[in-house]
Amino acid sequence: MNLNQKSRSLSFFLTFFLGPLGLLYSHIVGAIILIVIAIVTAPSIIGPIICWVLSIAIGDHCTHKHNKALEEFKNLMSNKPS
């Protein structure tokens, strides 16, 4: 488990400028899936645009979820009796 918090700002900028490639920062499996979908739907141009917007939303959600789980884990470990 990664015990470092992830920056929501960095996640936003990476996904905003790099799309699904920027999603690799916060969710590797989601990034791979969106990259494949974007490539397959490239001729219609609407598919990659949807993937781009989804990557921004998924990146923010996954970063927030990671940081929340990390806080809960740290609280659990600090309340653990020795």
Protein backbone atom coordinates (compact mmCIF):
# COMPACT_ATOMS: atom_id res chain seq x y z
CA MET A 1 0.00 0.00 0.00
CA ASN A 2 1.24 3.46 -0.86
CA LEU A 3 1.40 5.37 2.44
CA ASN A 4 1.88 8.79 0.86
CA GLN A 5 -0.98 11.13 0.13
CA LYS A 6 -1.62 11.96 -3.49
CA SER A 7 -2.16 15.53 -4.59
CA ARG A 8 -5.61 16.24 -6.00
CA SER A 9 -4.24 19.31 -7.78
CA LEU A 10 -1.53 17.28 -9.49
CA SER A 11 -4.08 14.63 -10.42
CA PHE A 12 -6.32 17.28 -11.99
CA PHE A 13 -3.51 18.90 -13.99
CA LEU A 14 -2.16 15.57 -15.22
CA THR A 15 -5.56 14.36 -16.37
CA PHE A 16 -6.56 17.75 -17.78
CA PHE A 17 -3.44 18.04 -19.94
CA LEU A 18 -2.67 14.36 -20.62
CA GLY A 19 -6.12 12.77 -20.43
CA PRO A 20 -6.08 9.04 -19.74
CA LEU A 21 -2.27 9.05 -19.60
CA GLY A 22 -2.44 11.42 -16.63
CA LEU A 23 -4.77 8.98 -14.93
CA LEU A 24 -1.78 6.68 -14.45
CA TYR A 25 -0.92 8.83 -11.42
CA SER A 26 -4.05 7.88 -9.51
CA HIS A 27 -5.54 4.72 -11.04
CA ILE A 28 -3.45 2.49 -13.29
CA VAL A 29 -6.15 0.00 -14.29
CA GLY A 30 -8.64 2.76 -15.12
CA ALA A 31 -6.00 4.53 -17.17
CA ILE A 32 -5.24 1.44 -19.23
CA ILE A 33 -8.93 0.80 -19.87
CA LEU A 34 -9.59 4.41 -20.94
CA ILE A 35 -6.50 4.48 -23.15
CA VAL A 36 -7.67 1.34 -24.97
CA ILE A 37 -11.21 2.72 -25.35
CA ALA A 38 -9.85 6.05 -26.62
CA ILE A 39 -7.68 4.31 -29.21
CA VAL A 40 -10.48 2.01 -30.39
CA THR A 41 -12.99 4.87 -30.67
CA ALA A 42 -10.53 7.37 -32.16
CA PRO A 43 -12.19 7.51 -35.61
CA SER A 44 -15.39 8.91 -34.09
CA ILE A 45 -13.55 11.61 -32.01
CA ILE A 46 -16.42 11.58 -29.49
CA GLY A 47 -15.03 8.48 -27.75
CA PRO A 48 -11.65 10.04 -26.92
CA ILE A 49 -13.35 13.23 -25.72
CA ILE A 50 -15.56 11.22 -23.36
CA CYS A 51 -12.49 9.28 -22.16
CA TRP A 52 -10.68 12.56 -21.54
CA VAL A 53 -13.50 13.96 -19.39
CA LEU A 54 -13.93 10.65 -17.58
CA SER A 55 -10.23 10.53 -16.78
CA ILE A 56 -10.48 13.91 -15.02
CA ALA A 57 -13.44 12.76 -12.93
CA ILE A 58 -12.02 9.32 -12.16
CA GLY A 59 -8.61 10.78 -11.29
CA ASP A 60 -10.09 13.17 -8.75
CA HIS A 61 -12.33 10.48 -7.26
CA CYS A 62 -9.54 7.93 -6.93
CA THR A 63 -7.12 10.44 -5.42
CA HIS A 64 -9.74 11.52 -2.87
CA LYS A 65 -10.57 7.89 -2.08
CA HIS A 66 -6.86 7.01 -1.64
CA ASN A 67 -6.27 9.94 0.73
CA LYS A 68 -9.39 9.12 2.75
CA ALA A 69 -8.38 5.46 3.11
CA LEU A 70 -4.89 6.53 4.11
CA GLU A 71 -6.27 8.83 6.83
CA GLU A 72 -8.50 6.05 8.16
CA PHE A 73 -5.55 3.65 8.19
CA LYS A 74 -3.35 6.14 10.04
CA ASN A 75 -6.13 6.79 12.58
CA LEU A 76 -6.59 3.07 13.08
CA MET A 77 -2.87 2.55 13.61
CA SER A 78 -2.59 5.48 16.04
CA ASN A 79 -5.50 4.13 18.14
CA LYS A 80 -4.08 0.61 18.19
CA PRO A 81 -3.08 -0.50 21.72
CA SER A 82 0.54 -1.62 22.08
